[in-house]
Amino acid sequence: VYVDGFNLYYGCLKGTPERWLDIGELCRRMLRDDADIVAIKYFTAKVKGHDGDPDHGRRQQVYLRALRTVPNLTIQYGRFITKEATRIRVSKRDAKPQYVNVWITEEKGSDVNLASHLLIDGKDARYDLAVVISNDSDLKFPVEYVRYTLKAPVGVLNPHRKRSYALSPKDLPAGSFYKPIRRAVLRASQFSDMVPDASGNLSKPVAWGEPPKKRKGRP
């Protein structure tokens, strides 16, 4: 399973109580009961706090620690680039344009890293089925290459409301699939109130809402 971390976050998690997401549990619920999940690769970049939210980076680190407790899950890092740029300030339609300098933060590397791992693992026959959690149309070529050249099925779990037809054409090859990630599945796939790791116990960041109740089977 190849997880585009930021695409997942901005697609269905940002601003919701479901941010304490156990991706291993999500995969088990979204895939067939007999699926043997041999690896989950989570692609992201480390963020930093800023004036508006100084704890932003700390919350991410807590979550990444929780993710490391998921069996067979590894985290692959890209990077953030922050640069100064000049942009036109929003103003009334007839007003003279005003230019302001702003800070622009761009995440680099995650989509390239995901595509590279997907292709290399496919070339080395490390999976019978690849699953991509993203709706980024930039992944169209590597997904199609695996599907049509390497002849391995690729499933897409889409975290966004809008369908990506680049990743889910009408006529999918045998074994490939497309599924939207439902809110009910996200709610049922949360970490427990306390997640133990080698350094202690982790709890859901307070800013993310109340801790989830204890799970009671599958929805």
N, C-alpha and C. Protein backbone atom coordinates (compact mmCIF):
# COMPACT_ATOMS: atom_id res chain seq x y z
N VAL A 1 0.85 -1.18 0.00
CA VAL A 1 0.00 0.00 0.00
C VAL A 1 0.89 1.24 0.00
N TYR A 2 0.60 2.18 -0.88
CA TYR A 2 1.39 3.40 -1.04
C TYR A 2 0.50 4.59 -0.69
N VAL A 3 0.84 5.28 0.40
CA VAL A 3 -0.02 6.32 0.94
C VAL A 3 0.57 7.69 0.68
N ASP A 4 -0.13 8.51 -0.07
CA ASP A 4 0.23 9.92 -0.27
C ASP A 4 -0.29 10.68 0.95
N GLY A 5 0.58 10.89 1.93
CA GLY A 5 0.13 11.41 3.23
C GLY A 5 -0.59 12.73 3.16
N PHE A 6 -0.07 13.69 2.40
CA PHE A 6 -0.70 15.00 2.33
C PHE A 6 -1.98 14.96 1.52
N ASN A 7 -2.02 14.13 0.48
CA ASN A 7 -3.25 14.00 -0.30
C ASN A 7 -4.35 13.39 0.56
N LEU A 8 -3.99 12.41 1.38
CA LEU A 8 -4.95 11.81 2.31
C LEU A 8 -5.43 12.84 3.32
N TYR A 9 -4.50 13.60 3.90
CA TYR A 9 -4.85 14.56 4.94
C TYR A 9 -5.78 15.65 4.41
N TYR A 10 -5.41 16.27 3.30
CA TYR A 10 -6.21 17.36 2.77
C TYR A 10 -7.47 16.85 2.06
N GLY A 11 -7.49 15.57 1.71
CA GLY A 11 -8.66 15.02 1.04
C GLY A 11 -9.81 14.71 1.97
N CYS A 12 -9.50 14.17 3.18
CA CYS A 12 -10.62 13.75 4.03
C CYS A 12 -10.35 13.85 5.52
N LEU A 13 -9.21 14.36 5.94
CA LEU A 13 -8.90 14.39 7.37
C LEU A 13 -8.81 15.79 7.96
N LYS A 14 -8.35 16.76 7.23
CA LYS A 14 -8.12 18.09 7.78
C LYS A 14 -9.40 18.66 8.40
N GLY A 15 -9.28 19.14 9.64
CA GLY A 15 -10.41 19.75 10.32
C GLY A 15 -11.44 18.78 10.85
N THR A 16 -11.15 17.47 10.80
CA THR A 16 -12.10 16.47 11.28
C THR A 16 -11.57 15.78 12.53
N PRO A 17 -12.44 15.10 13.29
CA PRO A 17 -11.97 14.31 14.43
C PRO A 17 -11.28 13.01 14.02
N GLU A 18 -11.25 12.71 12.73
CA GLU A 18 -10.69 11.43 12.26
C GLU A 18 -9.20 11.50 11.96
N ARG A 19 -8.53 12.56 12.37
CA ARG A 19 -7.10 12.69 12.06
C ARG A 19 -6.23 11.68 12.79
N TRP A 20 -6.75 11.08 13.87
CA TRP A 20 -6.01 10.06 14.62
C TRP A 20 -6.18 8.71 13.93
N LEU A 21 -5.85 8.68 12.66
CA LEU A 21 -6.20 7.55 11.78
C LEU A 21 -5.16 6.45 11.83
N ASP A 22 -5.63 5.25 12.12
CA ASP A 22 -4.80 4.05 12.05
C ASP A 22 -4.85 3.54 10.61
N ILE A 23 -3.81 3.83 9.85
CA ILE A 23 -3.82 3.50 8.43
C ILE A 23 -3.82 1.99 8.21
N GLY A 24 -3.19 1.25 9.11
CA GLY A 24 -3.25 -0.20 8.99
C GLY A 24 -4.66 -0.72 9.09
N GLU A 25 -5.43 -0.19 10.05
CA GLU A 25 -6.83 -0.58 10.20
C GLU A 25 -7.65 -0.14 9.00
N LEU A 26 -7.39 1.06 8.50
CA LEU A 26 -8.09 1.54 7.30
C LEU A 26 -7.88 0.58 6.14
N CYS A 27 -6.64 0.14 5.94
CA CYS A 27 -6.36 -0.77 4.83
C CYS A 27 -7.08 -2.10 5.02
N ARG A 28 -7.08 -2.61 6.25
CA ARG A 28 -7.75 -3.89 6.50
C ARG A 28 -9.25 -3.80 6.21
N ARG A 29 -9.84 -2.67 6.51
CA ARG A 29 -11.28 -2.51 6.28
C ARG A 29 -11.61 -2.26 4.81
N MET A 30 -10.69 -1.64 4.09
CA MET A 30 -10.96 -1.29 2.69
C MET A 30 -10.60 -2.42 1.72
N LEU A 31 -9.74 -3.35 2.17
CA LEU A 31 -9.32 -4.43 1.29
C LEU A 31 -10.04 -5.72 1.66
N ARG A 32 -9.87 -6.74 0.83
CA ARG A 32 -10.54 -8.02 1.06
C ARG A 32 -10.01 -8.66 2.34
N ASP A 33 -10.86 -9.48 2.96
CA ASP A 33 -10.49 -10.12 4.22
C ASP A 33 -9.26 -11.01 4.08
N ASP A 34 -9.05 -11.58 2.89
CA ASP A 34 -7.92 -12.49 2.70
C ASP A 34 -6.67 -11.77 2.19
N ALA A 35 -6.70 -10.44 2.16
CA ALA A 35 -5.54 -9.69 1.67
C ALA A 35 -4.40 -9.79 2.68
N ASP A 36 -3.21 -10.10 2.20
CA ASP A 36 -2.01 -10.16 3.03
C ASP A 36 -1.23 -8.87 2.78
N ILE A 37 -1.33 -7.93 3.70
CA ILE A 37 -0.69 -6.62 3.54
C ILE A 37 0.77 -6.76 3.96
N VAL A 38 1.65 -6.89 2.97
CA VAL A 38 3.06 -7.14 3.27
C VAL A 38 3.83 -5.86 3.56
N ALA A 39 3.32 -4.70 3.11
CA ALA A 39 4.01 -3.44 3.37
C ALA A 39 3.05 -2.27 3.18
N ILE A 40 3.20 -1.27 4.04
CA ILE A 40 2.50 0.00 3.88
C ILE A 40 3.58 1.09 3.88
N LYS A 41 3.64 1.86 2.82
CA LYS A 41 4.63 2.93 2.71
C LYS A 41 3.91 4.27 2.75
N TYR A 42 4.25 5.05 3.76
CA TYR A 42 3.59 6.33 4.00
C TYR A 42 4.54 7.44 3.61
N PHE A 43 4.13 8.26 2.64
CA PHE A 43 4.98 9.31 2.08
C PHE A 43 4.54 10.67 2.60
N THR A 44 5.47 11.40 3.22
CA THR A 44 5.14 12.68 3.82
C THR A 44 6.38 13.54 3.89
N ALA A 45 6.28 14.67 4.57
CA ALA A 45 7.42 15.54 4.86
C ALA A 45 7.19 16.16 6.22
N LYS A 46 8.25 16.41 6.94
CA LYS A 46 8.12 16.98 8.28
C LYS A 46 7.72 18.45 8.19
N VAL A 47 6.73 18.83 8.97
CA VAL A 47 6.27 20.22 8.99
C VAL A 47 6.78 20.89 10.25
N LYS A 48 6.75 22.21 10.26
CA LYS A 48 7.19 23.00 11.40
C LYS A 48 6.05 23.88 11.90
N GLY A 49 6.14 24.26 13.16
CA GLY A 49 5.17 25.20 13.69
C GLY A 49 5.37 26.58 13.09
N HIS A 50 4.33 27.39 13.14
CA HIS A 50 4.41 28.76 12.63
C HIS A 50 3.63 29.66 13.57
N ASP A 51 3.64 30.96 13.30
CA ASP A 51 3.04 31.92 14.21
C ASP A 51 1.56 31.61 14.48
N GLY A 52 0.85 31.17 13.45
CA GLY A 52 -0.57 30.89 13.63
C GLY A 52 -0.84 29.57 14.33
N ASP A 53 0.14 28.65 14.31
CA ASP A 53 -0.05 27.33 14.92
C ASP A 53 1.31 26.78 15.31
N PRO A 54 1.85 27.21 16.45
CA PRO A 54 3.20 26.79 16.84
C PRO A 54 3.32 25.30 17.15
N ASP A 55 2.20 24.61 17.42
CA ASP A 55 2.24 23.19 17.76
C ASP A 55 2.02 22.27 16.55
N HIS A 56 1.97 22.85 15.37
CA HIS A 56 1.68 22.08 14.16
C HIS A 56 2.67 20.93 13.99
N GLY A 57 3.95 21.23 14.09
CA GLY A 57 4.97 20.20 13.91
C GLY A 57 4.95 19.16 15.01
N ARG A 58 4.68 19.58 16.26
CA ARG A 58 4.65 18.65 17.38
C ARG A 58 3.53 17.62 17.21
N ARG A 59 2.35 18.08 16.76
CA ARG A 59 1.24 17.15 16.55
C ARG A 59 1.59 16.12 15.48
N GLN A 60 2.24 16.59 14.42
CA GLN A 60 2.62 15.64 13.38
C GLN A 60 3.59 14.58 13.91
N GLN A 61 4.54 14.99 14.74
CA GLN A 61 5.50 14.03 15.27
C GLN A 61 4.83 12.99 16.16
N VAL A 62 3.83 13.41 16.94
CA VAL A 62 3.06 12.46 17.75
C VAL A 62 2.37 11.45 16.84
N TYR A 63 1.77 11.94 15.76
CA TYR A 63 1.06 11.05 14.85
C TYR A 63 2.03 10.10 14.14
N LEU A 64 3.18 10.60 13.71
CA LEU A 64 4.14 9.73 13.04
C LEU A 64 4.65 8.65 13.99
N ARG A 65 4.81 8.97 15.25
CA ARG A 65 5.19 7.95 16.24
C ARG A 65 4.10 6.88 16.32
N ALA A 66 2.84 7.31 16.33
CA ALA A 66 1.74 6.34 16.37
C ALA A 66 1.75 5.46 15.13
N LEU A 67 2.01 6.05 13.98
CA LEU A 67 2.04 5.27 12.74
C LEU A 67 3.14 4.22 12.76
N ARG A 68 4.25 4.52 13.41
CA ARG A 68 5.36 3.56 13.46
C ARG A 68 5.01 2.30 14.24
N THR A 69 3.91 2.32 14.98
CA THR A 69 3.47 1.11 15.69
C THR A 69 2.66 0.19 14.80
N VAL A 70 2.31 0.64 13.60
CA VAL A 70 1.52 -0.17 12.67
C VAL A 70 2.42 -1.22 12.03
N PRO A 71 2.07 -2.50 12.08
CA PRO A 71 2.91 -3.54 11.48
C PRO A 71 3.17 -3.29 10.00
N ASN A 72 4.41 -3.50 9.60
CA ASN A 72 4.84 -3.42 8.19
C ASN A 72 4.74 -2.02 7.60
N LEU A 73 4.59 -0.99 8.44
CA LEU A 73 4.50 0.38 7.92
C LEU A 73 5.85 1.08 8.06
N THR A 74 6.29 1.71 6.99
CA THR A 74 7.49 2.54 7.00
C THR A 74 7.13 3.93 6.50
N ILE A 75 7.90 4.92 6.93
CA ILE A 75 7.65 6.31 6.56
C ILE A 75 8.77 6.78 5.65
N GLN A 76 8.40 7.32 4.50
CA GLN A 76 9.34 7.82 3.52
C GLN A 76 9.19 9.35 3.46
N TYR A 77 10.30 10.05 3.65
CA TYR A 77 10.22 11.51 3.78
C TYR A 77 10.62 12.25 2.50
N GLY A 78 9.80 13.25 2.16
CA GLY A 78 10.19 14.27 1.21
C GLY A 78 10.67 15.47 2.02
N ARG A 79 10.45 16.67 1.51
CA ARG A 79 10.89 17.85 2.24
C ARG A 79 10.01 19.05 1.88
N PHE A 80 10.04 20.04 2.76
CA PHE A 80 9.35 21.29 2.52
C PHE A 80 10.36 22.34 2.10
N ILE A 81 9.97 23.17 1.15
CA ILE A 81 10.78 24.32 0.74
C ILE A 81 9.96 25.58 1.00
N THR A 82 10.54 26.52 1.74
CA THR A 82 9.88 27.79 2.02
C THR A 82 10.65 28.90 1.31
N LYS A 83 9.94 29.70 0.53
CA LYS A 83 10.59 30.77 -0.20
C LYS A 83 9.70 32.00 -0.24
N GLU A 84 10.34 33.14 -0.46
CA GLU A 84 9.61 34.40 -0.55
C GLU A 84 9.21 34.64 -2.00
N ALA A 85 7.99 35.12 -2.19
CA ALA A 85 7.49 35.38 -3.54
C ALA A 85 6.60 36.62 -3.53
N THR A 86 6.46 37.23 -4.68
CA THR A 86 5.60 38.40 -4.84
C THR A 86 4.28 37.99 -5.47
N ARG A 87 3.19 38.40 -4.83
CA ARG A 87 1.87 38.05 -5.33
C ARG A 87 0.97 39.28 -5.30
N ILE A 88 -0.10 39.23 -6.11
CA ILE A 88 -1.06 40.34 -6.15
C ILE A 88 -2.05 40.18 -5.00
N ARG A 89 -2.23 41.23 -4.24
CA ARG A 89 -3.15 41.20 -3.10
C ARG A 89 -4.60 41.24 -3.60
N VAL A 90 -5.48 40.47 -2.96
CA VAL A 90 -6.89 40.48 -3.31
C VAL A 90 -7.48 41.84 -2.95
N SER A 91 -8.17 42.45 -3.92
CA SER A 91 -8.75 43.77 -3.68
C SER A 91 -10.01 43.92 -4.54
N LYS A 92 -10.65 45.08 -4.46
CA LYS A 92 -11.83 45.33 -5.27
C LYS A 92 -11.47 45.28 -6.75
N ARG A 93 -12.47 44.91 -7.56
CA ARG A 93 -12.22 44.66 -8.97
C ARG A 93 -11.60 45.86 -9.68
N ASP A 94 -12.05 47.06 -9.37
CA ASP A 94 -11.58 48.26 -10.08
C ASP A 94 -10.38 48.92 -9.40
N ALA A 95 -9.94 48.36 -8.28
CA ALA A 95 -8.83 48.97 -7.56
C ALA A 95 -7.51 48.66 -8.25
N LYS A 96 -6.55 49.53 -8.04
CA LYS A 96 -5.22 49.33 -8.61
C LYS A 96 -4.56 48.13 -7.93
N PRO A 97 -3.99 47.22 -8.71
CA PRO A 97 -3.37 46.02 -8.10
C PRO A 97 -2.27 46.41 -7.12
N GLN A 98 -2.27 45.73 -5.98
CA GLN A 98 -1.22 45.92 -4.99
C GLN A 98 -0.41 44.63 -4.86
N TYR A 99 0.90 44.80 -4.89
CA TYR A 99 1.78 43.64 -4.81
C TYR A 99 2.35 43.52 -3.39
N VAL A 100 2.35 42.30 -2.89
CA VAL A 100 2.88 42.05 -1.55
C VAL A 100 3.83 40.85 -1.61
N ASN A 101 4.76 40.83 -0.69
CA ASN A 101 5.66 39.68 -0.57
C ASN A 101 5.08 38.69 0.43
N VAL A 102 5.08 37.43 0.07
CA VAL A 102 4.51 36.39 0.93
C VAL A 102 5.49 35.22 1.00
N TRP A 103 5.29 34.40 2.05
CA TRP A 103 6.04 33.15 2.16
C TRP A 103 5.23 32.03 1.53
N ILE A 104 5.87 31.26 0.66
CA ILE A 104 5.22 30.12 0.02
C ILE A 104 5.93 28.85 0.47
N THR A 105 5.14 27.90 0.97
CA THR A 105 5.69 26.63 1.41
C THR A 105 5.24 25.54 0.44
N GLU A 106 6.19 24.82 -0.10
CA GLU A 106 5.90 23.77 -1.07
C GLU A 106 6.46 22.45 -0.57
N GLU A 107 5.66 21.41 -0.70
CA GLU A 107 6.12 20.07 -0.34
C GLU A 107 6.73 19.43 -1.58
N LYS A 108 7.94 18.91 -1.43
CA LYS A 108 8.66 18.35 -2.56
C LYS A 108 9.04 16.90 -2.30
N GLY A 109 8.89 16.09 -3.30
CA GLY A 109 9.46 14.75 -3.26
C GLY A 109 8.51 13.62 -2.98
N SER A 110 7.39 13.87 -2.28
CA SER A 110 6.54 12.75 -1.88
C SER A 110 5.95 12.01 -3.08
N ASP A 111 5.42 12.77 -4.06
CA ASP A 111 4.80 12.11 -5.21
C ASP A 111 5.83 11.36 -6.05
N VAL A 112 7.04 11.96 -6.17
CA VAL A 112 8.11 11.29 -6.92
C VAL A 112 8.56 10.03 -6.18
N ASN A 113 8.70 10.14 -4.86
CA ASN A 113 9.11 8.97 -4.07
C ASN A 113 8.08 7.85 -4.17
N LEU A 114 6.79 8.21 -4.08
CA LEU A 114 5.74 7.21 -4.18
C LEU A 114 5.80 6.51 -5.54
N ALA A 115 5.89 7.30 -6.60
CA ALA A 115 5.94 6.73 -7.95
C ALA A 115 7.15 5.82 -8.11
N SER A 116 8.30 6.24 -7.58
CA SER A 116 9.52 5.44 -7.71
C SER A 116 9.39 4.11 -6.99
N HIS A 117 8.88 4.13 -5.76
CA HIS A 117 8.70 2.89 -5.01
C HIS A 117 7.70 1.97 -5.69
N LEU A 118 6.60 2.55 -6.19
CA LEU A 118 5.59 1.75 -6.88
C LEU A 118 6.19 1.03 -8.08
N LEU A 119 6.99 1.73 -8.86
CA LEU A 119 7.59 1.15 -10.07
C LEU A 119 8.67 0.14 -9.73
N ILE A 120 9.56 0.49 -8.82
CA ILE A 120 10.66 -0.42 -8.48
C ILE A 120 10.14 -1.69 -7.83
N ASP A 121 9.20 -1.55 -6.90
CA ASP A 121 8.62 -2.74 -6.27
C ASP A 121 7.90 -3.61 -7.29
N GLY A 122 7.21 -2.95 -8.23
CA GLY A 122 6.53 -3.72 -9.28
C GLY A 122 7.51 -4.43 -10.19
N LYS A 123 8.59 -3.76 -10.55
CA LYS A 123 9.61 -4.36 -11.42
C LYS A 123 10.25 -5.56 -10.74
N ASP A 124 10.39 -5.47 -9.42
CA ASP A 124 11.00 -6.57 -8.66
C ASP A 124 9.97 -7.60 -8.19
N ALA A 125 8.72 -7.45 -8.64
CA ALA A 125 7.64 -8.40 -8.31
C ALA A 125 7.47 -8.57 -6.81
N ARG A 126 7.44 -7.46 -6.07
CA ARG A 126 7.30 -7.52 -4.62
C ARG A 126 5.83 -7.52 -4.18
N TYR A 127 4.92 -7.43 -5.11
CA TYR A 127 3.50 -7.48 -4.76
C TYR A 127 2.70 -8.16 -5.86
N ASP A 128 1.57 -8.71 -5.46
CA ASP A 128 0.59 -9.22 -6.43
C ASP A 128 -0.44 -8.15 -6.74
N LEU A 129 -0.63 -7.23 -5.80
CA LEU A 129 -1.54 -6.10 -5.96
C LEU A 129 -0.93 -4.89 -5.29
N ALA A 130 -0.92 -3.77 -5.99
CA ALA A 130 -0.49 -2.50 -5.39
C ALA A 130 -1.74 -1.66 -5.13
N VAL A 131 -1.76 -0.98 -3.99
CA VAL A 131 -2.87 -0.10 -3.65
C VAL A 131 -2.31 1.29 -3.39
N VAL A 132 -2.87 2.28 -4.07
CA VAL A 132 -2.43 3.67 -3.94
C VAL A 132 -3.53 4.47 -3.25
N ILE A 133 -3.19 5.12 -2.16
CA ILE A 133 -4.14 6.01 -1.48
C ILE A 133 -3.82 7.44 -1.90
N SER A 134 -4.54 7.93 -2.87
CA SER A 134 -4.32 9.27 -3.44
C SER A 134 -5.32 9.48 -4.56
N ASN A 135 -5.51 10.74 -4.95
CA ASN A 135 -6.22 11.00 -6.20
C ASN A 135 -5.41 11.96 -7.06
N ASP A 136 -4.09 11.97 -6.84
CA ASP A 136 -3.19 12.87 -7.57
C ASP A 136 -3.01 12.37 -9.01
N SER A 137 -3.48 13.14 -9.96
CA SER A 137 -3.40 12.72 -11.36
C SER A 137 -1.96 12.64 -11.86
N ASP A 138 -1.01 13.24 -11.13
CA ASP A 138 0.40 13.13 -11.52
C ASP A 138 0.90 11.69 -11.43
N LEU A 139 0.16 10.84 -10.73
CA LEU A 139 0.55 9.44 -10.61
C LEU A 139 0.00 8.57 -11.74
N LYS A 140 -0.63 9.19 -12.71
CA LYS A 140 -1.24 8.43 -13.80
C LYS A 140 -0.23 7.53 -14.51
N PHE A 141 0.93 8.08 -14.90
CA PHE A 141 1.87 7.27 -15.68
C PHE A 141 2.38 6.06 -14.91
N PRO A 142 2.90 6.23 -13.67
CA PRO A 142 3.38 5.03 -12.97
C PRO A 142 2.28 4.01 -12.70
N VAL A 143 1.06 4.47 -12.41
CA VAL A 143 -0.04 3.53 -12.20
C VAL A 143 -0.35 2.77 -13.48
N GLU A 144 -0.42 3.48 -14.60
CA GLU A 144 -0.69 2.81 -15.88
C GLU A 144 0.44 1.88 -16.28
N TYR A 145 1.67 2.26 -15.98
CA TYR A 145 2.81 1.41 -16.33
C TYR A 145 2.72 0.08 -15.59
N VAL A 146 2.40 0.15 -14.32
CA VAL A 146 2.26 -1.08 -13.54
C VAL A 146 1.10 -1.91 -14.06
N ARG A 147 -0.02 -1.26 -14.35
CA ARG A 147 -1.21 -1.99 -14.80
C ARG A 147 -1.02 -2.63 -16.17
N TYR A 148 -0.46 -1.89 -17.12
CA TYR A 148 -0.49 -2.34 -18.51
C TYR A 148 0.84 -2.89 -19.01
N THR A 149 1.95 -2.48 -18.41
CA THR A 149 3.24 -3.01 -18.85
C THR A 149 3.73 -4.12 -17.94
N LEU A 150 3.67 -3.89 -16.63
CA LEU A 150 4.08 -4.93 -15.69
C LEU A 150 2.98 -5.96 -15.45
N LYS A 151 1.76 -5.65 -15.91
CA LYS A 151 0.62 -6.57 -15.80
C LYS A 151 0.28 -6.91 -14.35
N ALA A 152 0.44 -5.94 -13.47
CA ALA A 152 0.05 -6.14 -12.07
C ALA A 152 -1.11 -5.19 -11.77
N PRO A 153 -2.13 -5.66 -11.07
CA PRO A 153 -3.27 -4.79 -10.77
C PRO A 153 -2.91 -3.71 -9.77
N VAL A 154 -3.55 -2.56 -9.93
CA VAL A 154 -3.38 -1.44 -9.00
C VAL A 154 -4.77 -0.97 -8.56
N GLY A 155 -5.01 -0.98 -7.26
CA GLY A 155 -6.24 -0.42 -6.72
C GLY A 155 -6.00 0.99 -6.23
N VAL A 156 -7.01 1.82 -6.33
CA VAL A 156 -6.94 3.21 -5.87
C VAL A 156 -7.99 3.42 -4.79
N LEU A 157 -7.55 3.90 -3.63
CA LEU A 157 -8.45 4.33 -2.57
C LEU A 157 -8.42 5.85 -2.56
N ASN A 158 -9.51 6.47 -2.96
CA ASN A 158 -9.54 7.91 -3.17
C ASN A 158 -10.02 8.64 -1.90
N PRO A 159 -9.17 9.49 -1.30
CA PRO A 159 -9.60 10.22 -0.10
C PRO A 159 -10.40 11.48 -0.38
N HIS A 160 -10.54 11.86 -1.65
CA HIS A 160 -11.24 13.09 -2.02
C HIS A 160 -12.65 12.78 -2.50
N ARG A 161 -13.51 13.78 -2.43
CA ARG A 161 -14.87 13.62 -2.95
C ARG A 161 -14.86 13.54 -4.48
N LYS A 162 -13.96 14.29 -5.08
CA LYS A 162 -13.88 14.31 -6.54
C LYS A 162 -13.11 13.11 -7.05
N ARG A 163 -13.67 12.44 -8.02
CA ARG A 163 -13.02 11.26 -8.59
C ARG A 163 -11.88 11.67 -9.52
N SER A 164 -10.78 10.92 -9.48
CA SER A 164 -9.68 11.14 -10.41
C SER A 164 -9.81 10.13 -11.54
N TYR A 165 -10.29 10.56 -12.68
CA TYR A 165 -10.45 9.65 -13.81
C TYR A 165 -9.11 9.25 -14.40
N ALA A 166 -8.04 10.03 -14.10
CA ALA A 166 -6.71 9.65 -14.56
C ALA A 166 -6.26 8.35 -13.89
N LEU A 167 -6.69 8.13 -12.65
CA LEU A 167 -6.31 6.93 -11.91
C LEU A 167 -7.38 5.86 -11.94
N SER A 168 -8.57 6.21 -12.40
CA SER A 168 -9.68 5.24 -12.39
C SER A 168 -10.48 5.35 -13.67
N PRO A 169 -9.89 4.95 -14.81
CA PRO A 169 -10.65 4.98 -16.07
C PRO A 169 -11.83 4.02 -16.01
N LYS A 170 -12.72 4.16 -16.97
CA LYS A 170 -13.94 3.33 -16.97
C LYS A 170 -13.63 1.85 -17.10
N ASP A 171 -12.68 1.52 -17.97
CA ASP A 171 -12.36 0.11 -18.23
C ASP A 171 -11.06 -0.25 -17.52
N LEU A 172 -11.17 -0.68 -16.27
CA LEU A 172 -10.00 -1.07 -15.50
C LEU A 172 -9.57 -2.49 -15.86
N PRO A 173 -8.27 -2.76 -15.92
CA PRO A 173 -7.83 -4.14 -16.18
C PRO A 173 -8.21 -5.06 -15.02
N ALA A 174 -8.21 -6.33 -15.27
CA ALA A 174 -8.63 -7.32 -14.27
C ALA A 174 -7.82 -7.17 -12.99
N GLY A 175 -8.52 -7.18 -11.86
CA GLY A 175 -7.86 -7.09 -10.56
C GLY A 175 -7.69 -5.69 -10.04
N SER A 176 -7.67 -4.70 -10.93
CA SER A 176 -7.57 -3.31 -10.50
C SER A 176 -8.93 -2.81 -10.03
N PHE A 177 -8.93 -1.81 -9.17
CA PHE A 177 -10.20 -1.30 -8.67
C PHE A 177 -10.05 0.16 -8.24
N TYR A 178 -11.19 0.78 -8.03
CA TYR A 178 -11.27 2.14 -7.49
C TYR A 178 -12.32 2.15 -6.39
N LYS A 179 -11.97 2.72 -5.23
CA LYS A 179 -12.93 2.85 -4.13
C LYS A 179 -12.76 4.21 -3.46
N PRO A 180 -13.85 4.92 -3.22
CA PRO A 180 -13.76 6.12 -2.38
C PRO A 180 -13.65 5.72 -0.92
N ILE A 181 -12.94 6.51 -0.13
CA ILE A 181 -12.83 6.26 1.30
C ILE A 181 -14.01 6.94 1.99
N ARG A 182 -14.85 6.16 2.63
CA ARG A 182 -16.06 6.67 3.28
C ARG A 182 -15.77 7.18 4.68
N ARG A 183 -16.56 8.17 5.10
CA ARG A 183 -16.39 8.74 6.43
C ARG A 183 -16.60 7.68 7.52
N ALA A 184 -17.54 6.77 7.32
CA ALA A 184 -17.80 5.74 8.33
C ALA A 184 -16.58 4.85 8.53
N VAL A 185 -15.86 4.56 7.46
CA VAL A 185 -14.67 3.73 7.59
C VAL A 185 -13.57 4.49 8.33
N LEU A 186 -13.44 5.78 8.07
CA LEU A 186 -12.46 6.60 8.79
C LEU A 186 -12.77 6.60 10.29
N ARG A 187 -14.04 6.76 10.63
CA ARG A 187 -14.43 6.78 12.04
C ARG A 187 -14.13 5.45 12.72
N ALA A 188 -14.26 4.36 11.97
CA ALA A 188 -14.04 3.03 12.54
C ALA A 188 -12.57 2.62 12.52
N SER A 189 -11.71 3.44 11.96
CA SER A 189 -10.30 3.08 11.79
C SER A 189 -9.37 3.98 12.60
N GLN A 190 -9.83 4.41 13.75
CA GLN A 190 -9.03 5.28 14.60
C GLN A 190 -8.15 4.48 15.55
N PHE A 191 -7.00 5.06 15.90
CA PHE A 191 -6.18 4.47 16.95
C PHE A 191 -6.96 4.46 18.26
N SER A 192 -6.54 3.62 19.17
CA SER A 192 -7.12 3.60 20.51
C SER A 192 -6.77 4.89 21.26
N ASP A 193 -7.44 5.10 22.38
CA ASP A 193 -7.20 6.31 23.16
C ASP A 193 -5.72 6.49 23.49
N MET A 194 -5.08 5.41 23.88
CA MET A 194 -3.66 5.43 24.21
C MET A 194 -2.92 4.44 23.32
N VAL A 195 -1.86 4.90 22.66
CA VAL A 195 -1.07 4.05 21.78
C VAL A 195 0.32 3.89 22.37
N PRO A 196 0.68 2.71 22.85
CA PRO A 196 2.02 2.54 23.43
C PRO A 196 3.08 2.35 22.35
N ASP A 197 4.24 2.98 22.55
CA ASP A 197 5.39 2.69 21.72
C ASP A 197 6.60 2.53 22.63
N ALA A 198 7.79 2.44 22.05
CA ALA A 198 8.98 2.16 22.84
C ALA A 198 9.32 3.28 23.82
N SER A 199 8.79 4.48 23.58
CA SER A 199 9.13 5.63 24.43
C SER A 199 8.03 6.00 25.42
N GLY A 200 6.90 5.30 25.39
CA GLY A 200 5.82 5.64 26.30
C GLY A 200 4.45 5.47 25.66
N ASN A 201 3.48 6.24 26.14
CA ASN A 201 2.12 6.20 25.61
C ASN A 201 1.80 7.47 24.84
N LEU A 202 1.13 7.30 23.72
CA LEU A 202 0.75 8.42 22.87
C LEU A 202 -0.76 8.60 22.92
N SER A 203 -1.21 9.83 22.96
CA SER A 203 -2.64 10.10 22.93
C SER A 203 -2.93 11.10 21.82
N LYS A 204 -4.15 11.05 21.36
CA LYS A 204 -4.59 11.94 20.28
C LYS A 204 -4.41 13.40 20.70
N PRO A 205 -3.78 14.25 19.85
CA PRO A 205 -3.65 15.67 20.18
C PRO A 205 -4.99 16.31 20.51
N VAL A 206 -5.01 17.11 21.55
CA VAL A 206 -6.26 17.72 22.01
C VAL A 206 -6.91 18.54 20.90
N ALA A 207 -6.10 19.22 20.10
CA ALA A 207 -6.63 20.06 19.03
C ALA A 207 -7.37 19.28 17.96
N TRP A 208 -7.23 17.96 17.96
CA TRP A 208 -7.88 17.12 16.96
C TRP A 208 -9.25 16.61 17.42
N GLY A 209 -9.70 17.03 18.57
CA GLY A 209 -11.02 16.61 19.03
C GLY A 209 -10.93 15.57 20.10
N GLU A 210 -12.08 15.11 20.55
CA GLU A 210 -12.14 14.13 21.62
C GLU A 210 -11.57 12.80 21.18
N PRO A 211 -10.90 12.07 22.08
CA PRO A 211 -10.40 10.74 21.73
C PRO A 211 -11.53 9.84 21.29
N PRO A 212 -11.30 8.93 20.34
CA PRO A 212 -12.35 8.04 19.86
C PRO A 212 -12.74 7.03 20.92
N LYS A 213 -13.99 6.56 20.86
CA LYS A 213 -14.42 5.50 21.75
C LYS A 213 -13.80 4.17 21.31
N LYS A 214 -13.82 3.21 22.21
CA LYS A 214 -13.24 1.91 21.93
C LYS A 214 -13.97 1.27 20.75
N ARG A 215 -13.17 0.66 19.84
CA ARG A 215 -13.75 0.05 18.65
C ARG A 215 -14.63 -1.15 19.01
N LYS A 216 -15.72 -1.32 18.26
CA LYS A 216 -16.62 -2.44 18.46
C LYS A 216 -16.86 -3.14 17.12
N GLY A 217 -15.86 -3.85 16.64
CA GLY A 217 -16.01 -4.61 15.40
C GLY A 217 -16.04 -3.73 14.17
N ARG A 218 -16.30 -4.32 13.05
CA ARG A 218 -16.32 -3.61 11.77
C ARG A 218 -17.71 -3.05 11.49
N PRO A 219 -17.76 -1.89 10.77
CA PRO A 219 -19.07 -1.31 10.45
C PRO A 219 -19.81 -2.15 9.43
